[in-house]
């Protein structure tokens, strides 16, 4: 399964929903980057994604986007094949 990285904060309901969706698709572990604990990582996130909000989700090297983007990808049938890539 592909590695999943998520930029997140402690009190983000969309981050929690994203985690639940990914767990339902078989993702056992998510590399979480807590931008509330590591402020310098927020700048990294904004440079990598062009976005300011969390979650920002990567599957492997592919930037999926936020929670709404993740749900849309899943509904379109694109999440499982992306996760299956090693």
PDB file of N, CA and C in Angstrom:
ATOM      1  N   UNK A   1       0.838  -1.180   0.000  1.00  0.00           N
ATOM      2  CA  UNK A   1       0.000   0.000   0.000  1.00  0.00           C
ATOM      3  C   UNK A   1       0.881   1.240   0.000  1.00  0.00           C
ATOM      4  N   UNK A   2       0.419   2.265  -0.693  1.00  0.00           N
ATOM      5  CA  UNK A   2       1.162   3.517  -0.787  1.00  0.00           C
ATOM      6  C   UNK A   2       1.214   4.214   0.569  1.00  0.00           C
ATOM      7  N   UNK A   3       2.255   4.976   0.762  1.00  0.00           N
ATOM      8  CA  UNK A   3       2.426   5.745   1.990  1.00  0.00           C
ATOM      9  C   UNK A   3       1.499   6.959   1.949  1.00  0.00           C
ATOM     10  N   UNK A   4       0.817   7.224   3.059  1.00  0.00           N
ATOM     11  CA  UNK A   4      -0.093   8.365   3.148  1.00  0.00           C
ATOM     12  C   UNK A   4       0.475   9.363   4.152  1.00  0.00           C
ATOM     13  N   UNK A   5       0.566  10.613   3.726  1.00  0.00           N
ATOM     14  CA  UNK A   5       1.035  11.705   4.573  1.00  0.00           C
ATOM     15  C   UNK A   5      -0.075  12.738   4.650  1.00  0.00           C
ATOM     16  N   UNK A   6      -0.319  13.237   5.865  1.00  0.00           N
ATOM     17  CA  UNK A   6      -1.367  14.230   6.030  1.00  0.00           C
ATOM     18  C   UNK A   6      -0.882  15.363   6.921  1.00  0.00           C
ATOM     19  N   UNK A   7      -0.968  16.577   6.390  1.00  0.00           N
ATOM     20  CA  UNK A   7      -0.744  17.770   7.204  1.00  0.00           C
ATOM     21  C   UNK A   7      -2.019  17.983   7.997  1.00  0.00           C
ATOM     22  N   UNK A   8      -1.895  18.170   9.318  1.00  0.00           N
ATOM     23  CA  UNK A   8      -3.056  18.191  10.192  1.00  0.00           C
ATOM     24  C   UNK A   8      -2.825  19.074  11.407  1.00  0.00           C
ATOM     25  N   UNK A   9      -3.889  19.262  12.179  1.00  0.00           N
ATOM     26  CA  UNK A   9      -3.815  19.907  13.490  1.00  0.00           C
ATOM     27  C   UNK A   9      -4.603  19.046  14.471  1.00  0.00           C
ATOM     28  N   UNK A  10      -4.489  19.360  15.749  1.00  0.00           N
ATOM     29  CA  UNK A  10      -5.144  18.552  16.780  1.00  0.00           C
ATOM     30  C   UNK A  10      -6.662  18.679  16.750  1.00  0.00           C
ATOM     31  N   UNK A  11      -7.173  19.840  16.407  1.00  0.00           N
ATOM     32  CA  UNK A  11      -8.612  20.081  16.497  1.00  0.00           C
ATOM     33  C   UNK A  11      -9.235  20.316  15.123  1.00  0.00           C
ATOM     34  N   UNK A  12      -9.024  19.401  14.227  1.00  0.00           N
ATOM     35  CA  UNK A  12      -9.525  19.535  12.859  1.00  0.00           C
ATOM     36  C   UNK A  12     -10.514  18.410  12.568  1.00  0.00           C
ATOM     37  N   UNK A  13     -11.809  18.706  12.526  1.00  0.00           N
ATOM     38  CA  UNK A  13     -12.791  17.653  12.266  1.00  0.00           C
ATOM     39  C   UNK A  13     -12.655  17.040  10.872  1.00  0.00           C
ATOM     40  N   UNK A  14     -12.244  17.831   9.885  1.00  0.00           N
ATOM     41  CA  UNK A  14     -12.065  17.281   8.549  1.00  0.00           C
ATOM     42  C   UNK A  14     -10.878  16.318   8.494  1.00  0.00           C
ATOM     43  N   UNK A  15      -9.862  16.593   9.301  1.00  0.00           N
ATOM     44  CA  UNK A  15      -8.721  15.677   9.392  1.00  0.00           C
ATOM     45  C   UNK A  15      -9.175  14.337   9.974  1.00  0.00           C
ATOM     46  N   UNK A  16      -9.999  14.398  10.991  1.00  0.00           N
ATOM     47  CA  UNK A  16     -10.508  13.175  11.615  1.00  0.00           C
ATOM     48  C   UNK A  16     -11.378  12.386  10.644  1.00  0.00           C
ATOM     49  N   UNK A  17     -12.214  13.086   9.872  1.00  0.00           N
ATOM     50  CA  UNK A  17     -13.032  12.404   8.880  1.00  0.00           C
ATOM     51  C   UNK A  17     -12.166  11.770   7.796  1.00  0.00           C
ATOM     52  N   UNK A  18     -11.119  12.469   7.388  1.00  0.00           N
ATOM     53  CA  UNK A  18     -10.205  11.920   6.387  1.00  0.00           C
ATOM     54  C   UNK A  18      -9.528  10.661   6.908  1.00  0.00           C
ATOM     55  N   UNK A  19      -9.109  10.690   8.165  1.00  0.00           N
ATOM     56  CA  UNK A  19      -8.495   9.507   8.775  1.00  0.00           C
ATOM     57  C   UNK A  19      -9.457   8.326   8.767  1.00  0.00           C
ATOM     58  N   UNK A  20     -10.725   8.576   9.110  1.00  0.00           N
ATOM     59  CA  UNK A  20     -11.719   7.500   9.125  1.00  0.00           C
ATOM     60  C   UNK A  20     -11.934   6.910   7.735  1.00  0.00           C
ATOM     61  N   UNK A  21     -12.010   7.779   6.738  1.00  0.00           N
ATOM     62  CA  UNK A  21     -12.194   7.294   5.366  1.00  0.00           C
ATOM     63  C   UNK A  21     -10.998   6.465   4.922  1.00  0.00           C
ATOM     64  N   UNK A  22      -9.809   6.954   5.205  1.00  0.00           N
ATOM     65  CA  UNK A  22      -8.606   6.209   4.817  1.00  0.00           C
ATOM     66  C   UNK A  22      -8.525   4.872   5.547  1.00  0.00           C
ATOM     67  N   UNK A  23      -8.887   4.847   6.821  1.00  0.00           N
ATOM     68  CA  UNK A  23      -8.895   3.588   7.580  1.00  0.00           C
ATOM     69  C   UNK A  23      -9.897   2.615   6.977  1.00  0.00           C
ATOM     70  N   UNK A  24     -11.038   3.123   6.547  1.00  0.00           N
ATOM     71  CA  UNK A  24     -12.051   2.267   5.924  1.00  0.00           C
ATOM     72  C   UNK A  24     -11.562   1.681   4.603  1.00  0.00           C
ATOM     73  N   UNK A  25     -10.592   2.354   3.978  1.00  0.00           N
ATOM     74  CA  UNK A  25     -10.022   1.856   2.723  1.00  0.00           C
ATOM     75  C   UNK A  25      -8.762   1.024   2.963  1.00  0.00           C
ATOM     76  N   UNK A  26      -8.476   0.713   4.232  1.00  0.00           N
ATOM     77  CA  UNK A  26      -7.382  -0.191   4.541  1.00  0.00           C
ATOM     78  C   UNK A  26      -6.066   0.449   4.907  1.00  0.00           C
ATOM     79  N   UNK A  27      -6.036   1.764   5.046  1.00  0.00           N
ATOM     80  CA  UNK A  27      -4.788   2.444   5.415  1.00  0.00           C
ATOM     81  C   UNK A  27      -4.557   2.229   6.913  1.00  0.00           C
ATOM     82  N   UNK A  28      -3.472   1.540   7.241  1.00  0.00           N
ATOM     83  CA  UNK A  28      -3.190   1.196   8.637  1.00  0.00           C
ATOM     84  C   UNK A  28      -2.468   2.316   9.371  1.00  0.00           C
ATOM     85  N   UNK A  29      -1.700   3.106   8.647  1.00  0.00           N
ATOM     86  CA  UNK A  29      -0.965   4.172   9.315  1.00  0.00           C
ATOM     87  C   UNK A  29      -0.836   5.371   8.396  1.00  0.00           C
ATOM     88  N   UNK A  30      -0.922   6.546   9.012  1.00  0.00           N
ATOM     89  CA  UNK A  30      -0.807   7.807   8.296  1.00  0.00           C
ATOM     90  C   UNK A  30       0.345   8.578   8.923  1.00  0.00           C
ATOM     91  N   UNK A  31       1.246   9.063   8.087  1.00  0.00           N
ATOM     92  CA  UNK A  31       2.322   9.924   8.578  1.00  0.00           C
ATOM     93  C   UNK A  31       1.728  11.317   8.758  1.00  0.00           C
ATOM     94  N   UNK A  32       1.537  11.709  10.011  1.00  0.00           N
ATOM     95  CA  UNK A  32       0.900  12.996  10.295  1.00  0.00           C
ATOM     96  C   UNK A  32       1.950  14.064  10.545  1.00  0.00           C
ATOM     97  N   UNK A  33       1.759  15.195   9.899  1.00  0.00           N
ATOM     98  CA  UNK A  33       2.602  16.357  10.101  1.00  0.00           C
ATOM     99  C   UNK A  33       1.736  17.377  10.836  1.00  0.00           C
ATOM    100  N   UNK A  34       2.003  17.561  12.114  1.00  0.00           N
ATOM    101  CA  UNK A  34       1.195  18.446  12.959  1.00  0.00           C
ATOM    102  C   UNK A  34       1.702  19.876  12.830  1.00  0.00           C
ATOM    103  N   UNK A  35       1.037  20.654  11.985  1.00  0.00           N
ATOM    104  CA  UNK A  35       1.493  22.024  11.765  1.00  0.00           C
ATOM    105  C   UNK A  35       1.190  22.940  12.944  1.00  0.00           C
ATOM    106  N   UNK A  36       0.322  22.503  13.862  1.00  0.00           N
ATOM    107  CA  UNK A  36       0.089  23.309  15.056  1.00  0.00           C
ATOM    108  C   UNK A  36       1.234  23.155  16.053  1.00  0.00           C
ATOM    109  N   UNK A  37       1.922  22.035  16.007  1.00  0.00           N
ATOM    110  CA  UNK A  37       3.070  21.802  16.889  1.00  0.00           C
ATOM    111  C   UNK A  37       4.388  22.216  16.249  1.00  0.00           C
ATOM    112  N   UNK A  38       4.426  22.203  14.926  1.00  0.00           N
ATOM    113  CA  UNK A  38       5.627  22.557  14.177  1.00  0.00           C
ATOM    114  C   UNK A  38       5.286  23.656  13.172  1.00  0.00           C
ATOM    115  N   UNK A  39       5.244  24.915  13.622  1.00  0.00           N
ATOM    116  CA  UNK A  39       4.824  26.011  12.740  1.00  0.00           C
ATOM    117  C   UNK A  39       5.623  26.124  11.440  1.00  0.00           C
ATOM    118  N   UNK A  40       6.864  25.771  11.448  1.00  0.00           N
ATOM    119  CA  UNK A  40       7.672  25.846  10.224  1.00  0.00           C
ATOM    120  C   UNK A  40       7.141  24.887   9.160  1.00  0.00           C
ATOM    121  N   UNK A  41       6.514  23.821   9.595  1.00  0.00           N
ATOM    122  CA  UNK A  41       5.963  22.848   8.643  1.00  0.00           C
ATOM    123  C   UNK A  41       4.734  23.413   7.920  1.00  0.00           C
ATOM    124  N   UNK A  42       4.044  24.410   8.534  1.00  0.00           N
ATOM    125  CA  UNK A  42       2.920  25.059   7.848  1.00  0.00           C
ATOM    126  C   UNK A  42       3.415  25.737   6.568  1.00  0.00           C
ATOM    127  N   UNK A  43       4.544  26.423   6.667  1.00  0.00           N
ATOM    128  CA  UNK A  43       5.121  27.074   5.490  1.00  0.00           C
ATOM    129  C   UNK A  43       5.481  26.031   4.434  1.00  0.00           C
ATOM    130  N   UNK A  44       6.043  24.918   4.874  1.00  0.00           N
ATOM    131  CA  UNK A  44       6.364  23.820   3.959  1.00  0.00           C
ATOM    132  C   UNK A  44       5.102  23.350   3.253  1.00  0.00           C
ATOM    133  N   UNK A  45       4.023  23.155   4.017  1.00  0.00           N
ATOM    134  CA  UNK A  45       2.755  22.696   3.446  1.00  0.00           C
ATOM    135  C   UNK A  45       2.249  23.687   2.396  1.00  0.00           C
ATOM    136  N   UNK A  46       2.295  24.970   2.716  1.00  0.00           N
ATOM    137  CA  UNK A  46       1.792  25.981   1.790  1.00  0.00           C
ATOM    138  C   UNK A  46       2.628  26.035   0.512  1.00  0.00           C
ATOM    139  N   UNK A  47       3.928  25.840   0.642  1.00  0.00           N
ATOM    140  CA  UNK A  47       4.787  25.832  -0.540  1.00  0.00           C
ATOM    141  C   UNK A  47       4.542  24.592  -1.399  1.00  0.00           C
ATOM    142  N   UNK A  48       4.337  23.450  -0.753  1.00  0.00           N
ATOM    143  CA  UNK A  48       4.120  22.199  -1.492  1.00  0.00           C
ATOM    144  C   UNK A  48       2.757  22.148  -2.161  1.00  0.00           C
ATOM    145  N   UNK A  49       1.726  22.679  -1.475  1.00  0.00           N
ATOM    146  CA  UNK A  49       0.357  22.487  -1.945  1.00  0.00           C
ATOM    147  C   UNK A  49      -0.285  23.737  -2.534  1.00  0.00           C
ATOM    148  N   UNK A  50       0.229  24.903  -2.160  1.00  0.00           N
ATOM    149  CA  UNK A  50      -0.412  26.137  -2.573  1.00  0.00           C
ATOM    150  C   UNK A  50      -1.675  26.425  -1.778  1.00  0.00           C
ATOM    151  N   UNK A  51      -1.881  25.696  -0.700  1.00  0.00           N
ATOM    152  CA  UNK A  51      -3.077  25.841   0.125  1.00  0.00           C
ATOM    153  C   UNK A  51      -2.694  26.141   1.564  1.00  0.00           C
ATOM    154  N   UNK A  52      -3.659  26.730   2.303  1.00  0.00           N
ATOM    155  CA  UNK A  52      -3.406  27.134   3.688  1.00  0.00           C
ATOM    156  C   UNK A  52      -4.157  26.291   4.707  1.00  0.00           C
ATOM    157  N   UNK A  53      -5.109  25.481   4.256  1.00  0.00           N
ATOM    158  CA  UNK A  53      -5.988  24.762   5.175  1.00  0.00           C
ATOM    159  C   UNK A  53      -5.581  23.303   5.334  1.00  0.00           C
ATOM    160  N   UNK A  54      -5.988  22.717   6.447  1.00  0.00           N
ATOM    161  CA  UNK A  54      -5.778  21.293   6.686  1.00  0.00           C
ATOM    162  C   UNK A  54      -7.124  20.588   6.621  1.00  0.00           C
ATOM    163  N   UNK A  55      -7.118  19.316   6.292  1.00  0.00           N
ATOM    164  CA  UNK A  55      -5.952  18.503   5.983  1.00  0.00           C
ATOM    165  C   UNK A  55      -5.457  18.743   4.555  1.00  0.00           C
ATOM    166  N   UNK A  56      -4.204  18.451   4.359  1.00  0.00           N
ATOM    167  CA  UNK A  56      -3.627  18.342   3.024  1.00  0.00           C
ATOM    168  C   UNK A  56      -3.035  16.936   2.965  1.00  0.00           C
ATOM    169  N   UNK A  57      -3.507  16.156   2.021  1.00  0.00           N
ATOM    170  CA  UNK A  57      -3.235  14.720   1.997  1.00  0.00           C
ATOM    171  C   UNK A  57      -2.420  14.349   0.765  1.00  0.00           C
ATOM    172  N   UNK A  58      -1.390  13.563   1.012  1.00  0.00           N
ATOM    173  CA  UNK A  58      -0.586  12.982  -0.055  1.00  0.00           C
ATOM    174  C   UNK A  58      -0.717  11.468   0.015  1.00  0.00           C
ATOM    175  N   UNK A  59      -0.914  10.854  -1.138  1.00  0.00           N
ATOM    176  CA  UNK A  59      -0.835   9.405  -1.256  1.00  0.00           C
ATOM    177  C   UNK A  59       0.374   9.148  -2.133  1.00  0.00           C
ATOM    178  N   UNK A  60       1.411   8.595  -1.518  1.00  0.00           N
ATOM    179  CA  UNK A  60       2.694   8.517  -2.215  1.00  0.00           C
ATOM    180  C   UNK A  60       3.168   9.933  -2.485  1.00  0.00           C
ATOM    181  N   UNK A  61       3.487  10.224  -3.735  1.00  0.00           N
ATOM    182  CA  UNK A  61       3.926  11.563  -4.123  1.00  0.00           C
ATOM    183  C   UNK A  61       2.788  12.402  -4.713  1.00  0.00           C
ATOM    184  N   UNK A  62       1.586  11.847  -4.727  1.00  0.00           N
ATOM    185  CA  UNK A  62       0.437  12.521  -5.338  1.00  0.00           C
ATOM    186  C   UNK A  62      -0.296  13.351  -4.291  1.00  0.00           C
ATOM    187  N   UNK A  63      -0.427  14.638  -4.563  1.00  0.00           N
ATOM    188  CA  UNK A  63      -1.202  15.513  -3.671  1.00  0.00           C
ATOM    189  C   UNK A  63      -2.682  15.330  -4.005  1.00  0.00           C
ATOM    190  N   UNK A  64      -3.411  14.726  -3.072  1.00  0.00           N
ATOM    191  CA  UNK A  64      -4.839  14.491  -3.256  1.00  0.00           C
ATOM    192  C   UNK A  64      -5.613  15.774  -2.987  1.00  0.00           C
ATOM    193  N   UNK A  65      -5.174  16.544  -2.002  1.00  0.00           N
ATOM    194  CA  UNK A  65      -5.871  17.769  -1.616  1.00  0.00           C
ATOM    195  C   UNK A  65      -6.406  17.640  -0.212  1.00  0.00           C
ATOM    196  N   UNK A  66      -7.546  18.266   0.037  1.00  0.00           N
ATOM    197  CA  UNK A  66      -8.170  18.234   1.349  1.00  0.00           C
ATOM    198  C   UNK A  66      -9.199  17.129   1.465  1.00  0.00           C
ATOM    199  N   UNK A  67     -10.008  17.222   2.514  1.00  0.00           N
ATOM    200  CA  UNK A  67     -11.007  16.177   2.759  1.00  0.00           C
ATOM    201  C   UNK A  67     -12.012  16.077   1.616  1.00  0.00           C
ATOM    202  N   UNK A  68     -12.535  17.204   1.158  1.00  0.00           N
ATOM    203  CA  UNK A  68     -13.515  17.172   0.065  1.00  0.00           C
ATOM    204  C   UNK A  68     -12.916  16.544  -1.189  1.00  0.00           C
ATOM    205  N   UNK A  69     -11.665  16.844  -1.456  1.00  0.00           N
ATOM    206  CA  UNK A  69     -10.989  16.255  -2.613  1.00  0.00           C
ATOM    207  C   UNK A  69     -10.830  14.747  -2.442  1.00  0.00           C
ATOM    208  N   UNK A  70     -10.525  14.323  -1.210  1.00  0.00           N
ATOM    209  CA  UNK A  70     -10.369  12.900  -0.917  1.00  0.00           C
ATOM    210  C   UNK A  70     -11.680  12.162  -1.143  1.00  0.00           C
ATOM    211  N   UNK A  71     -12.776  12.730  -0.659  1.00  0.00           N
ATOM    212  CA  UNK A  71     -14.096  12.115  -0.838  1.00  0.00           C
ATOM    213  C   UNK A  71     -14.450  12.037  -2.319  1.00  0.00           C
ATOM    214  N   UNK A  72     -14.199  13.113  -3.058  1.00  0.00           N
ATOM    215  CA  UNK A  72     -14.499  13.119  -4.485  1.00  0.00           C
ATOM    216  C   UNK A  72     -13.688  12.063  -5.227  1.00  0.00           C
ATOM    217  N   UNK A  73     -12.427  11.932  -4.880  1.00  0.00           N
ATOM    218  CA  UNK A  73     -11.574  10.911  -5.494  1.00  0.00           C
ATOM    219  C   UNK A  73     -12.093   9.520  -5.183  1.00  0.00           C
ATOM    220  N   UNK A  74     -12.500   9.302  -3.937  1.00  0.00           N
ATOM    221  CA  UNK A  74     -13.041   8.003  -3.538  1.00  0.00           C
ATOM    222  C   UNK A  74     -14.326   7.688  -4.299  1.00  0.00           C
ATOM    223  N   UNK A  75     -15.228   8.652  -4.380  1.00  0.00           N
ATOM    224  CA  UNK A  75     -16.505   8.430  -5.077  1.00  0.00           C
ATOM    225  C   UNK A  75     -16.310   8.192  -6.571  1.00  0.00           C
ATOM    226  N   UNK A  76     -15.263   8.768  -7.130  1.00  0.00           N
ATOM    227  CA  UNK A  76     -14.968   8.576  -8.551  1.00  0.00           C
ATOM    228  C   UNK A  76     -14.238   7.258  -8.816  1.00  0.00           C
ATOM    229  N   UNK A  77     -13.913   6.530  -7.733  1.00  0.00           N
ATOM    230  CA  UNK A  77     -13.230   5.253  -7.884  1.00  0.00           C
ATOM    231  C   UNK A  77     -11.727   5.353  -8.030  1.00  0.00           C
ATOM    232  N   UNK A  78     -11.166   6.511  -7.736  1.00  0.00           N
ATOM    233  CA  UNK A  78      -9.730   6.690  -7.927  1.00  0.00           C
ATOM    234  C   UNK A  78      -8.873   6.490  -6.696  1.00  0.00           C
ATOM    235  N   UNK A  79      -9.491   6.416  -5.514  1.00  0.00           N
ATOM    236  CA  UNK A  79      -8.687   6.311  -4.296  1.00  0.00           C
ATOM    237  C   UNK A  79      -8.062   4.932  -4.130  1.00  0.00           C
ATOM    238  N   UNK A  80      -8.856   3.884  -4.292  1.00  0.00           N
ATOM    239  CA  UNK A  80      -8.311   2.526  -4.095  1.00  0.00           C
ATOM    240  C   UNK A  80      -7.145   2.226  -5.025  1.00  0.00           C
ATOM    241  N   UNK A  81      -7.227   2.537  -6.334  1.00  0.00           N
ATOM    242  CA  UNK A  81      -6.063   2.283  -7.199  1.00  0.00           C
ATOM    243  C   UNK A  81      -4.832   3.099  -6.779  1.00  0.00           C
ATOM    244  N   UNK A  82      -5.057   4.327  -6.328  1.00  0.00           N
ATOM    245  CA  UNK A  82      -3.935   5.160  -5.879  1.00  0.00           C
ATOM    246  C   UNK A  82      -3.292   4.573  -4.634  1.00  0.00           C
ATOM    247  N   UNK A  83      -4.117   4.085  -3.712  1.00  0.00           N
ATOM    248  CA  UNK A  83      -3.587   3.467  -2.496  1.00  0.00           C
ATOM    249  C   UNK A  83      -2.864   2.159  -2.780  1.00  0.00           C
ATOM    250  N   UNK A  84      -3.289   1.458  -3.827  1.00  0.00           N
ATOM    251  CA  UNK A  84      -2.689   0.161  -4.142  1.00  0.00           C
ATOM    252  C   UNK A  84      -1.281   0.287  -4.714  1.00  0.00           C
ATOM    253  N   UNK A  85      -0.936   1.452  -5.231  1.00  0.00           N
ATOM    254  CA  UNK A  85       0.407   1.642  -5.781  1.00  0.00           C
ATOM    255  C   UNK A  85       1.418   1.601  -4.666  1.00  0.00           C
ATOM    256  N   UNK A  86       2.511   0.906  -4.890  1.00  0.00           N
ATOM    257  CA  UNK A  86       3.553   0.796  -3.859  1.00  0.00           C
ATOM    258  C   UNK A  86       4.564   1.888  -4.018  1.00  0.00           C
TER     259      UNK A  86
END
